[in-house]
Amino acid sequence: MNSSFLANTMLFHGIREDEISALLPCLFAREKKYKKDALILRAGDVTAELGIVAEGSVNIIVNHYWGGSNIFGHVAKGDLFAENFAAIPGKELICDVVAAENCTVLFLNLERLLTTCEKGCVYHNRIIKNLIRIAATKNFHLSTRMMHIASKSIRERLLSYLSAEAMENGTAHFTIPFNRQQLADYLGVDRSALSNELGKMQREGLITFHKNDFTLLQAE
């Protein structure tokens, strides 16, 4: 495994490459490659491992009881997945983890990660702190999304999301990380209805936009 790459991930932040190399065997690290669309984990599986995307990316897919599915989340290179399920012994996954493209995943045993070794090494304690920060960050983003989709109308959801982006960027002009379909999925609305509402808001002088670039305007 590329220790140089891992040193730049959130999980191994602040840990030297030589320390990572010494730590990986302690965590029962194993690496596996997947082809695009390959199933990495299936809903109903039980896992004791978290995964780090070392190459490519993966999608978290929710399957509906009456058929159909949708992408609930996208895990990019360097990010984690399945850590919440691995932390609860016997907890079954409620979604599929699928390779969005050809990818490589590094699996780590979570119990080994959370249990400090006999040497009480500083870098093992550091990785536990990093994992807590990652969990807190994910929880923050989930709470923020819930705040945006609490509103009933598409406009209210857009106003909530765009206002939050402006505040986070410190300017009324900013670029969002979603294309139209991704933004519709994030806000839980139909893509066509979302595009129509954005057009109305622009005609009413509330916003201007081009692709992912948005500018919020003062309402008259």
C-alpha atoms as a PDB file:
ATOM      1  CA  MET A   1       0.000   0.000   0.000  1.00  0.00           C
ATOM      2  CA  ASN A   2       1.204   3.504  -0.844  1.00  0.00           C
ATOM      3  CA  SER A   3       2.080   5.050   2.528  1.00  0.00           C
ATOM      4  CA  SER A   4       2.730   8.404   0.842  1.00  0.00           C
ATOM      5  CA  PHE A   5      -0.878   8.490  -0.390  1.00  0.00           C
ATOM      6  CA  LEU A   6      -2.291   7.425   2.986  1.00  0.00           C
ATOM      7  CA  ALA A   7      -0.321  10.157   4.776  1.00  0.00           C
ATOM      8  CA  ASN A   8      -2.424  12.702   2.850  1.00  0.00           C
ATOM      9  CA  THR A   9      -5.788  11.204   3.842  1.00  0.00           C
ATOM     10  CA  MET A  10      -7.886  12.474   6.733  1.00  0.00           C
ATOM     11  CA  LEU A  11      -7.636   9.151   8.573  1.00  0.00           C
ATOM     12  CA  PHE A  12      -3.823   9.157   8.625  1.00  0.00           C
ATOM     13  CA  HIS A  13      -3.374  12.930   8.916  1.00  0.00           C
ATOM     14  CA  GLY A  14      -0.363  13.818  11.066  1.00  0.00           C
ATOM     15  CA  ILE A  15       1.176  10.334  10.869  1.00  0.00           C
ATOM     16  CA  ARG A  16       4.520   9.806   9.107  1.00  0.00           C
ATOM     17  CA  GLU A  17       4.883   7.380   6.235  1.00  0.00           C
ATOM     18  CA  ASP A  18       7.172   5.059   8.215  1.00  0.00           C
ATOM     19  CA  GLU A  19       4.663   5.062  11.076  1.00  0.00           C
ATOM     20  CA  ILE A  20       1.853   4.180   8.653  1.00  0.00           C
ATOM     21  CA  SER A  21       3.864   1.261   7.302  1.00  0.00           C
ATOM     22  CA  ALA A  22       4.314  -0.024  10.864  1.00  0.00           C
ATOM     23  CA  LEU A  23       0.653   0.559  11.714  1.00  0.00           C
ATOM     24  CA  LEU A  24      -1.005  -1.215   8.749  1.00  0.00           C
ATOM     25  CA  PRO A  25      -0.197  -4.799   9.851  1.00  0.00           C
ATOM     26  CA  CYS A  26      -1.611  -3.938  13.288  1.00  0.00           C
ATOM     27  CA  LEU A  27      -4.888  -2.965  11.593  1.00  0.00           C
ATOM     28  CA  PHE A  28      -5.097  -6.187   9.525  1.00  0.00           C
ATOM     29  CA  ALA A  29      -4.927  -4.037   6.393  1.00  0.00           C
ATOM     30  CA  ARG A  30      -5.851  -5.708   3.101  1.00  0.00           C
ATOM     31  CA  GLU A  31      -6.152  -4.238  -0.373  1.00  0.00           C
ATOM     32  CA  LYS A  32      -8.609  -5.301  -3.071  1.00  0.00           C
ATOM     33  CA  LYS A  33      -9.280  -4.112  -6.623  1.00  0.00           C
ATOM     34  CA  TYR A  34     -12.745  -3.850  -8.190  1.00  0.00           C
ATOM     35  CA  LYS A  35     -13.996  -3.320 -11.728  1.00  0.00           C
ATOM     36  CA  LYS A  36     -16.563  -0.608 -12.490  1.00  0.00           C
ATOM     37  CA  ASP A  37     -20.073  -1.552 -11.250  1.00  0.00           C
ATOM     38  CA  ALA A  38     -18.682  -4.380  -9.096  1.00  0.00           C
ATOM     39  CA  LEU A  39     -20.441  -4.925  -5.779  1.00  0.00           C
ATOM     40  CA  ILE A  40     -18.069  -4.176  -2.894  1.00  0.00           C
ATOM     41  CA  LEU A  41     -20.561  -4.614  -0.053  1.00  0.00           C
ATOM     42  CA  ARG A  42     -24.194  -5.690  -0.284  1.00  0.00           C
ATOM     43  CA  ALA A  43     -27.198  -4.543   1.774  1.00  0.00           C
ATOM     44  CA  GLY A  44     -27.635  -7.165   4.490  1.00  0.00           C
ATOM     45  CA  ASP A  45     -23.906  -7.829   4.816  1.00  0.00           C
ATOM     46  CA  VAL A  46     -22.192  -7.520   8.182  1.00  0.00           C
ATOM     47  CA  THR A  47     -18.688  -6.052   8.175  1.00  0.00           C
ATOM     48  CA  ALA A  48     -15.987  -5.557  10.781  1.00  0.00           C
ATOM     49  CA  GLU A  49     -13.945  -3.399   8.424  1.00  0.00           C
ATOM     50  CA  LEU A  50     -14.046   0.149   7.142  1.00  0.00           C
ATOM     51  CA  GLY A  51     -12.908   0.891   3.620  1.00  0.00           C
ATOM     52  CA  ILE A  52     -10.630   3.625   2.286  1.00  0.00           C
ATOM     53  CA  VAL A  53     -10.870   4.365  -1.428  1.00  0.00           C
ATOM     54  CA  ALA A  54      -7.247   4.217  -2.610  1.00  0.00           C
ATOM     55  CA  GLU A  55      -7.988   4.569  -6.352  1.00  0.00           C
ATOM     56  CA  GLY A  56     -11.152   5.532  -8.238  1.00  0.00           C
ATOM     57  CA  SER A  57     -14.404   6.100  -6.363  1.00  0.00           C
ATOM     58  CA  VAL A  58     -17.472   4.232  -5.093  1.00  0.00           C
ATOM     59  CA  ASN A  59     -21.197   4.929  -4.805  1.00  0.00           C
ATOM     60  CA  ILE A  60     -23.507   4.228  -1.890  1.00  0.00           C
ATOM     61  CA  ILE A  61     -26.742   2.944  -3.417  1.00  0.00           C
ATOM     62  CA  VAL A  62     -30.110   2.560  -1.706  1.00  0.00           C
ATOM     63  CA  ASN A  63     -32.448  -0.064  -3.177  1.00  0.00           C
ATOM     64  CA  HIS A  64     -36.198   0.430  -2.776  1.00  0.00           C
ATOM     65  CA  TYR A  65     -38.547  -2.346  -1.698  1.00  0.00           C
ATOM     66  CA  TRP A  66     -40.792  -1.939  -4.774  1.00  0.00           C
ATOM     67  CA  GLY A  67     -37.882  -1.736  -7.184  1.00  0.00           C
ATOM     68  CA  GLY A  68     -35.589   1.013  -8.339  1.00  0.00           C
ATOM     69  CA  SER A  69     -32.649   2.577  -6.582  1.00  0.00           C
ATOM     70  CA  ASN A  70     -30.820   5.846  -6.189  1.00  0.00           C
ATOM     71  CA  ILE A  71     -27.338   7.020  -5.286  1.00  0.00           C
ATOM     72  CA  PHE A  72     -27.317   8.164  -1.664  1.00  0.00           C
ATOM     73  CA  GLY A  73     -23.665   9.125  -1.557  1.00  0.00           C
ATOM     74  CA  HIS A  74     -20.405   9.211  -3.502  1.00  0.00           C
ATOM     75  CA  VAL A  75     -17.099   8.270  -1.859  1.00  0.00           C
ATOM     76  CA  ALA A  76     -14.076   9.832  -3.521  1.00  0.00           C
ATOM     77  CA  LYS A  77     -10.426   8.805  -3.421  1.00  0.00           C
ATOM     78  CA  GLY A  78      -9.052   9.043   0.110  1.00  0.00           C
ATOM     79  CA  ASP A  79     -12.452   8.944   1.815  1.00  0.00           C
ATOM     80  CA  LEU A  80     -13.983   6.266   4.067  1.00  0.00           C
ATOM     81  CA  PHE A  81     -17.096   4.118   3.907  1.00  0.00           C
ATOM     82  CA  ALA A  82     -18.847   1.531   6.129  1.00  0.00           C
ATOM     83  CA  GLU A  83     -17.213   2.780   9.344  1.00  0.00           C
ATOM     84  CA  ASN A  84     -20.584   3.281  11.079  1.00  0.00           C
ATOM     85  CA  PHE A  85     -21.689  -0.299  10.387  1.00  0.00           C
ATOM     86  CA  ALA A  86     -18.298  -1.732  11.336  1.00  0.00           C
ATOM     87  CA  ALA A  87     -18.557   0.074  14.678  1.00  0.00           C
ATOM     88  CA  ILE A  88     -21.775  -1.789  15.611  1.00  0.00           C
ATOM     89  CA  PRO A  89     -21.153  -5.545  15.919  1.00  0.00           C
ATOM     90  CA  GLY A  90     -23.649  -7.540  13.878  1.00  0.00           C
ATOM     91  CA  LYS A  91     -25.227  -4.465  12.271  1.00  0.00           C
ATOM     92  CA  GLU A  92     -26.383  -5.219   8.727  1.00  0.00           C
ATOM     93  CA  LEU A  93     -25.738  -2.727   5.947  1.00  0.00           C
ATOM     94  CA  ILE A  94     -28.865  -1.026   4.616  1.00  0.00           C
ATOM     95  CA  CYS A  95     -27.324  -0.083   1.272  1.00  0.00           C
ATOM     96  CA  ASP A  96     -25.004  -1.407  -1.419  1.00  0.00           C
ATOM     97  CA  VAL A  97     -21.468  -0.141  -1.940  1.00  0.00           C
ATOM     98  CA  VAL A  98     -20.660  -0.269  -5.660  1.00  0.00           C
ATOM     99  CA  ALA A  99     -17.555   0.663  -7.650  1.00  0.00           C
ATOM    100  CA  ALA A 100     -18.378   3.857  -9.579  1.00  0.00           C
ATOM    101  CA  GLU A 101     -15.285   3.172 -11.708  1.00  0.00           C
ATOM    102  CA  ASN A 102     -12.346   0.803 -11.578  1.00  0.00           C
ATOM    103  CA  CYS A 103     -11.113   1.225  -8.044  1.00  0.00           C
ATOM    104  CA  THR A 104      -8.860  -0.051  -5.278  1.00  0.00           C
ATOM    105  CA  VAL A 105     -10.047  -0.265  -1.671  1.00  0.00           C
ATOM    106  CA  LEU A 106      -7.963  -0.625   1.462  1.00  0.00           C
ATOM    107  CA  PHE A 107      -9.878  -2.422   4.220  1.00  0.00           C
ATOM    108  CA  LEU A 108      -8.959  -1.916   7.886  1.00  0.00           C
ATOM    109  CA  ASN A 109     -10.285  -3.811  10.893  1.00  0.00           C
ATOM    110  CA  LEU A 110     -12.135  -1.232  12.976  1.00  0.00           C
ATOM    111  CA  GLU A 111     -11.800  -3.086  16.275  1.00  0.00           C
ATOM    112  CA  ARG A 112      -8.033  -3.163  15.831  1.00  0.00           C
ATOM    113  CA  LEU A 113      -8.086   0.520  14.916  1.00  0.00           C
ATOM    114  CA  LEU A 114      -9.997   1.487  18.070  1.00  0.00           C
ATOM    115  CA  THR A 115      -7.886  -0.682  20.375  1.00  0.00           C
ATOM    116  CA  THR A 116      -4.514   0.845  21.175  1.00  0.00           C
ATOM    117  CA  CYS A 117      -1.629  -1.557  20.914  1.00  0.00           C
ATOM    118  CA  GLU A 118       0.520  -2.687  23.849  1.00  0.00           C
ATOM    119  CA  LYS A 119       3.166  -0.114  22.988  1.00  0.00           C
ATOM    120  CA  GLY A 120       0.641   2.714  23.357  1.00  0.00           C
ATOM    121  CA  CYS A 121       2.107   4.327  20.247  1.00  0.00           C
ATOM    122  CA  VAL A 122       1.318   7.982  19.698  1.00  0.00           C
ATOM    123  CA  TYR A 123       0.382   7.433  16.055  1.00  0.00           C
ATOM    124  CA  HIS A 124      -2.216   4.822  16.995  1.00  0.00           C
ATOM    125  CA  ASN A 125      -3.873   7.340  19.326  1.00  0.00           C
ATOM    126  CA  ARG A 126      -3.700   9.932  16.558  1.00  0.00           C
ATOM    127  CA  ILE A 127      -5.583   7.748  14.083  1.00  0.00           C
ATOM    128  CA  ILE A 128      -8.389   7.275  16.638  1.00  0.00           C
ATOM    129  CA  LYS A 129      -8.690  11.058  17.014  1.00  0.00           C
ATOM    130  CA  ASN A 130      -8.731  11.427  13.233  1.00  0.00           C
ATOM    131  CA  LEU A 131     -11.546   8.895  12.959  1.00  0.00           C
ATOM    132  CA  ILE A 132     -13.603  10.815  15.528  1.00  0.00           C
ATOM    133  CA  ARG A 133     -13.110  14.026  13.536  1.00  0.00           C
ATOM    134  CA  ILE A 134     -14.170  12.283  10.323  1.00  0.00           C
ATOM    135  CA  ALA A 135     -17.315  10.949  12.007  1.00  0.00           C
ATOM    136  CA  ALA A 136     -18.108  14.411  13.398  1.00  0.00           C
ATOM    137  CA  THR A 137     -17.623  16.002   9.963  1.00  0.00           C
ATOM    138  CA  LYS A 138     -19.921  13.475   8.292  1.00  0.00           C
ATOM    139  CA  ASN A 139     -22.536  13.995  10.993  1.00  0.00           C
ATOM    140  CA  PHE A 140     -22.336  17.762  10.459  1.00  0.00           C
ATOM    141  CA  HIS A 141     -22.884  17.411   6.702  1.00  0.00           C
ATOM    142  CA  LEU A 142     -25.804  15.033   7.249  1.00  0.00           C
ATOM    143  CA  SER A 143     -27.398  17.437   9.736  1.00  0.00           C
ATOM    144  CA  THR A 144     -26.930  20.302   7.279  1.00  0.00           C
ATOM    145  CA  ARG A 145     -28.626  18.336   4.498  1.00  0.00           C
ATOM    146  CA  MET A 146     -31.534  17.481   6.799  1.00  0.00           C
ATOM    147  CA  MET A 147     -31.903  21.195   7.527  1.00  0.00           C
ATOM    148  CA  HIS A 148     -32.099  21.984   3.801  1.00  0.00           C
ATOM    149  CA  ILE A 149     -34.652  19.296   2.947  1.00  0.00           C
ATOM    150  CA  ALA A 150     -36.867  20.043   5.971  1.00  0.00           C
ATOM    151  CA  SER A 151     -38.606  22.702   3.876  1.00  0.00           C
ATOM    152  CA  LYS A 152     -41.534  21.498   1.760  1.00  0.00           C
ATOM    153  CA  SER A 153     -41.088  23.568  -1.395  1.00  0.00           C
ATOM    154  CA  ILE A 154     -38.240  23.352  -3.891  1.00  0.00           C
ATOM    155  CA  ARG A 155     -37.623  27.090  -3.617  1.00  0.00           C
ATOM    156  CA  GLU A 156     -37.284  26.939   0.155  1.00  0.00           C
ATOM    157  CA  ARG A 157     -34.817  24.069  -0.154  1.00  0.00           C
ATOM    158  CA  LEU A 158     -32.808  25.992  -2.744  1.00  0.00           C
ATOM    159  CA  LEU A 159     -32.810  29.165  -0.675  1.00  0.00           C
ATOM    160  CA  SER A 160     -31.651  27.230   2.388  1.00  0.00           C
ATOM    161  CA  TYR A 161     -28.851  25.477   0.485  1.00  0.00           C
ATOM    162  CA  LEU A 162     -27.632  28.515  -1.488  1.00  0.00           C
ATOM    163  CA  SER A 163     -27.711  30.753   1.593  1.00  0.00           C
ATOM    164  CA  ALA A 164     -25.601  28.225   3.505  1.00  0.00           C
ATOM    165  CA  GLU A 165     -23.108  28.019   0.619  1.00  0.00           C
ATOM    166  CA  ALA A 166     -22.807  31.815   0.505  1.00  0.00           C
ATOM    167  CA  MET A 167     -22.160  31.930   4.258  1.00  0.00           C
ATOM    168  CA  GLU A 168     -19.594  29.139   4.089  1.00  0.00           C
ATOM    169  CA  ASN A 169     -17.747  30.780   1.189  1.00  0.00           C
ATOM    170  CA  GLY A 170     -17.992  34.252   2.699  1.00  0.00           C
ATOM    171  CA  THR A 171     -19.276  35.739  -0.565  1.00  0.00           C
ATOM    172  CA  ALA A 172     -22.460  35.960  -2.598  1.00  0.00           C
ATOM    173  CA  HIS A 173     -20.605  34.506  -5.601  1.00  0.00           C
ATOM    174  CA  PHE A 174     -19.535  30.869  -5.290  1.00  0.00           C
ATOM    175  CA  THR A 175     -19.267  27.536  -7.075  1.00  0.00           C
ATOM    176  CA  ILE A 176     -21.245  24.552  -5.804  1.00  0.00           C
ATOM    177  CA  PRO A 177     -19.811  20.974  -5.958  1.00  0.00           C
ATOM    178  CA  PHE A 178     -22.904  19.507  -7.701  1.00  0.00           C
ATOM    179  CA  ASN A 179     -24.194  19.322 -11.240  1.00  0.00           C
ATOM    180  CA  ARG A 180     -27.976  19.673 -11.707  1.00  0.00           C
ATOM    181  CA  GLN A 181     -28.773  15.995 -11.208  1.00  0.00           C
ATOM    182  CA  GLN A 182     -26.544  15.761  -8.148  1.00  0.00           C
ATOM    183  CA  LEU A 183     -28.093  18.909  -6.676  1.00  0.00           C
ATOM    184  CA  ALA A 184     -31.573  17.495  -7.283  1.00  0.00           C
ATOM    185  CA  ASP A 185     -30.591  14.234  -5.573  1.00  0.00           C
ATOM    186  CA  TYR A 186     -29.019  16.122  -2.658  1.00  0.00           C
ATOM    187  CA  LEU A 187     -32.156  18.219  -2.120  1.00  0.00           C
ATOM    188  CA  GLY A 188     -34.498  15.287  -2.779  1.00  0.00           C
ATOM    189  CA  VAL A 189     -36.376  16.877  -5.674  1.00  0.00           C
ATOM    190  CA  ASP A 190     -37.054  16.206  -9.368  1.00  0.00           C
ATOM    191  CA  ARG A 191     -34.343  17.521 -11.679  1.00  0.00           C
ATOM    192  CA  SER A 192     -36.721  19.189 -14.139  1.00  0.00           C
ATOM    193  CA  ALA A 193     -38.656  20.856 -11.329  1.00  0.00           C
ATOM    194  CA  LEU A 194     -35.370  22.054  -9.835  1.00  0.00           C
ATOM    195  CA  SER A 195     -34.237  23.563 -13.142  1.00  0.00           C
ATOM    196  CA  ASN A 196     -37.612  25.290 -13.581  1.00  0.00           C
ATOM    197  CA  GLU A 197     -37.409  26.806 -10.106  1.00  0.00           C
ATOM    198  CA  LEU A 198     -33.856  28.020 -10.677  1.00  0.00           C
ATOM    199  CA  GLY A 199     -35.045  29.695 -13.890  1.00  0.00           C
ATOM    200  CA  LYS A 200     -37.884  31.426 -12.032  1.00  0.00           C
ATOM    201  CA  MET A 201     -35.541  32.640  -9.304  1.00  0.00           C
ATOM    202  CA  GLN A 202     -33.189  34.072 -11.915  1.00  0.00           C
ATOM    203  CA  ARG A 203     -36.009  35.852 -13.755  1.00  0.00           C
ATOM    204  CA  GLU A 204     -37.205  37.305 -10.456  1.00  0.00           C
ATOM    205  CA  GLY A 205     -33.755  38.734  -9.758  1.00  0.00           C
ATOM    206  CA  LEU A 206     -32.946  36.540  -6.770  1.00  0.00           C
ATOM    207  CA  ILE A 207     -29.958  34.781  -8.332  1.00  0.00           C
ATOM    208  CA  THR A 208     -27.828  34.519 -11.445  1.00  0.00           C
ATOM    209  CA  PHE A 209     -26.048  31.329 -12.402  1.00  0.00           C
ATOM    210  CA  HIS A 210     -24.058  29.587 -15.104  1.00  0.00           C
ATOM    211  CA  LYS A 211     -23.627  25.855 -14.667  1.00  0.00           C
ATOM    212  CA  ASN A 212     -22.225  25.461 -11.121  1.00  0.00           C
ATOM    213  CA  ASP A 213     -21.408  29.150 -10.566  1.00  0.00           C
ATOM    214  CA  PHE A 214     -24.015  31.071  -8.559  1.00  0.00           C
ATOM    215  CA  THR A 215     -24.426  34.672  -7.462  1.00  0.00           C
ATOM    216  CA  LEU A 216     -27.058  35.663  -4.903  1.00  0.00           C
ATOM    217  CA  LEU A 217     -28.712  39.028  -5.496  1.00  0.00           C
ATOM    218  CA  GLN A 218     -30.552  41.338  -3.146  1.00  0.00           C
ATOM    219  CA  ALA A 219     -34.320  41.035  -3.601  1.00  0.00           C
ATOM    220  CA  GLU A 220     -35.979  44.309  -4.566  1.00  0.00           C
END
